[in-house]
Amino acid sequence: MARKANYDEKIKVIEEKIEKKSAEMKALKAQLTEIKTKKAQDDYQELMEYMKVNNMSADEVLSKLR
C-alpha cells in the first residue's frame, strides 16, 4: 500500500504542475490577444494618417492594392 500512496502523491504533483502551466498559458494567450489588438489599432491609425496626408479615400487605397 505504501507504493500506491507514493504514486498518488506523484500524480497529484504532476496534476498541480499541469494546472499551473495551464493558468500560465491562459495568461500568455490573453497577453498575446491584447498585443495583437494594440498592433491592429496602431496599424489602423497609421493607415488613416496616410490616407489623410495623401487625401485618399478607402476606395482609392483599395484600388491601389488590387
Protein backbone atom coordinates (compact mmCIF):
# COMPACT_ATOMS: atom_id res chain seq x y z
CA MET A 1 0.00 0.00 0.00
CA ALA A 2 2.87 2.39 0.65
CA ARG A 3 3.71 2.23 -3.02
CA LYS A 4 0.19 3.25 -4.06
CA ALA A 5 0.35 6.32 -1.84
CA ASN A 6 3.66 7.21 -3.48
CA TYR A 7 2.03 7.03 -6.93
CA ASP A 8 -0.94 9.04 -5.71
CA GLU A 9 1.39 11.76 -4.49
CA LYS A 10 3.32 11.80 -7.78
CA ILE A 11 0.06 12.01 -9.71
CA LYS A 12 -1.09 14.89 -7.52
CA VAL A 13 2.18 16.78 -8.04
CA ILE A 14 2.02 16.38 -11.80
CA GLU A 15 -1.64 17.42 -11.93
CA GLU A 16 -0.78 20.55 -9.93
CA LYS A 17 2.05 21.35 -12.37
CA ILE A 18 -0.33 20.91 -15.30
CA GLU A 19 -2.86 23.20 -13.64
CA LYS A 20 -0.18 25.84 -13.04
CA LYS A 21 1.09 25.66 -16.62
CA SER A 22 -2.47 25.85 -17.95
CA ALA A 23 -3.02 29.03 -15.97
CA GLU A 24 0.25 30.44 -17.33
CA MET A 25 -0.79 29.57 -20.88
CA LYS A 26 -4.14 31.27 -20.38
CA ALA A 27 -2.40 34.42 -19.15
CA LEU A 28 0.04 34.38 -22.06
CA LYS A 29 -2.78 33.95 -24.57
CA ALA A 30 -4.57 36.92 -23.02
CA GLN A 31 -1.37 38.99 -23.31
CA LEU A 32 -0.97 37.93 -26.94
CA THR A 33 -4.54 38.91 -27.75
CA GLU A 34 -4.04 42.29 -26.09
CA ILE A 35 -0.83 42.97 -28.02
CA LYS A 36 -2.39 41.90 -31.33
CA THR A 37 -5.31 44.23 -30.66
CA LYS A 38 -2.97 47.14 -29.92
CA LYS A 39 -0.98 46.39 -33.08
CA ALA A 40 -4.15 46.36 -35.16
CA GLN A 41 -5.18 49.71 -33.69
CA ASP A 42 -1.75 51.20 -34.41
CA ASP A 43 -1.81 49.85 -37.96
CA TYR A 44 -5.28 51.31 -38.48
CA GLN A 45 -4.18 54.69 -37.15
CA GLU A 46 -1.14 54.65 -39.44
CA LEU A 47 -3.32 53.84 -42.44
CA MET A 48 -5.80 56.56 -41.57
CA GLU A 49 -2.97 59.09 -41.20
CA TYR A 50 -1.53 58.04 -44.58
CA MET A 51 -4.93 58.42 -46.19
CA LYS A 52 -5.40 61.86 -44.63
CA VAL A 53 -1.94 63.12 -45.62
CA ASN A 54 -2.39 61.87 -49.18
CA ASN A 55 -6.04 62.91 -49.39
CA MET A 56 -7.15 59.38 -50.27
CA SER A 57 -10.44 57.59 -49.74
CA ALA A 58 -10.75 53.96 -48.74
CA ASP A 59 -11.77 53.09 -52.31
CA GLU A 60 -8.60 54.70 -53.68
CA VAL A 61 -6.42 52.75 -51.27
CA LEU A 62 -8.20 49.50 -52.14
CA SER A 63 -7.83 50.13 -55.87
CA LYS A 64 -4.07 50.56 -55.45
CA LEU A 65 -3.84 47.31 -53.51
CA ARG A 66 -5.73 45.29 -56.10
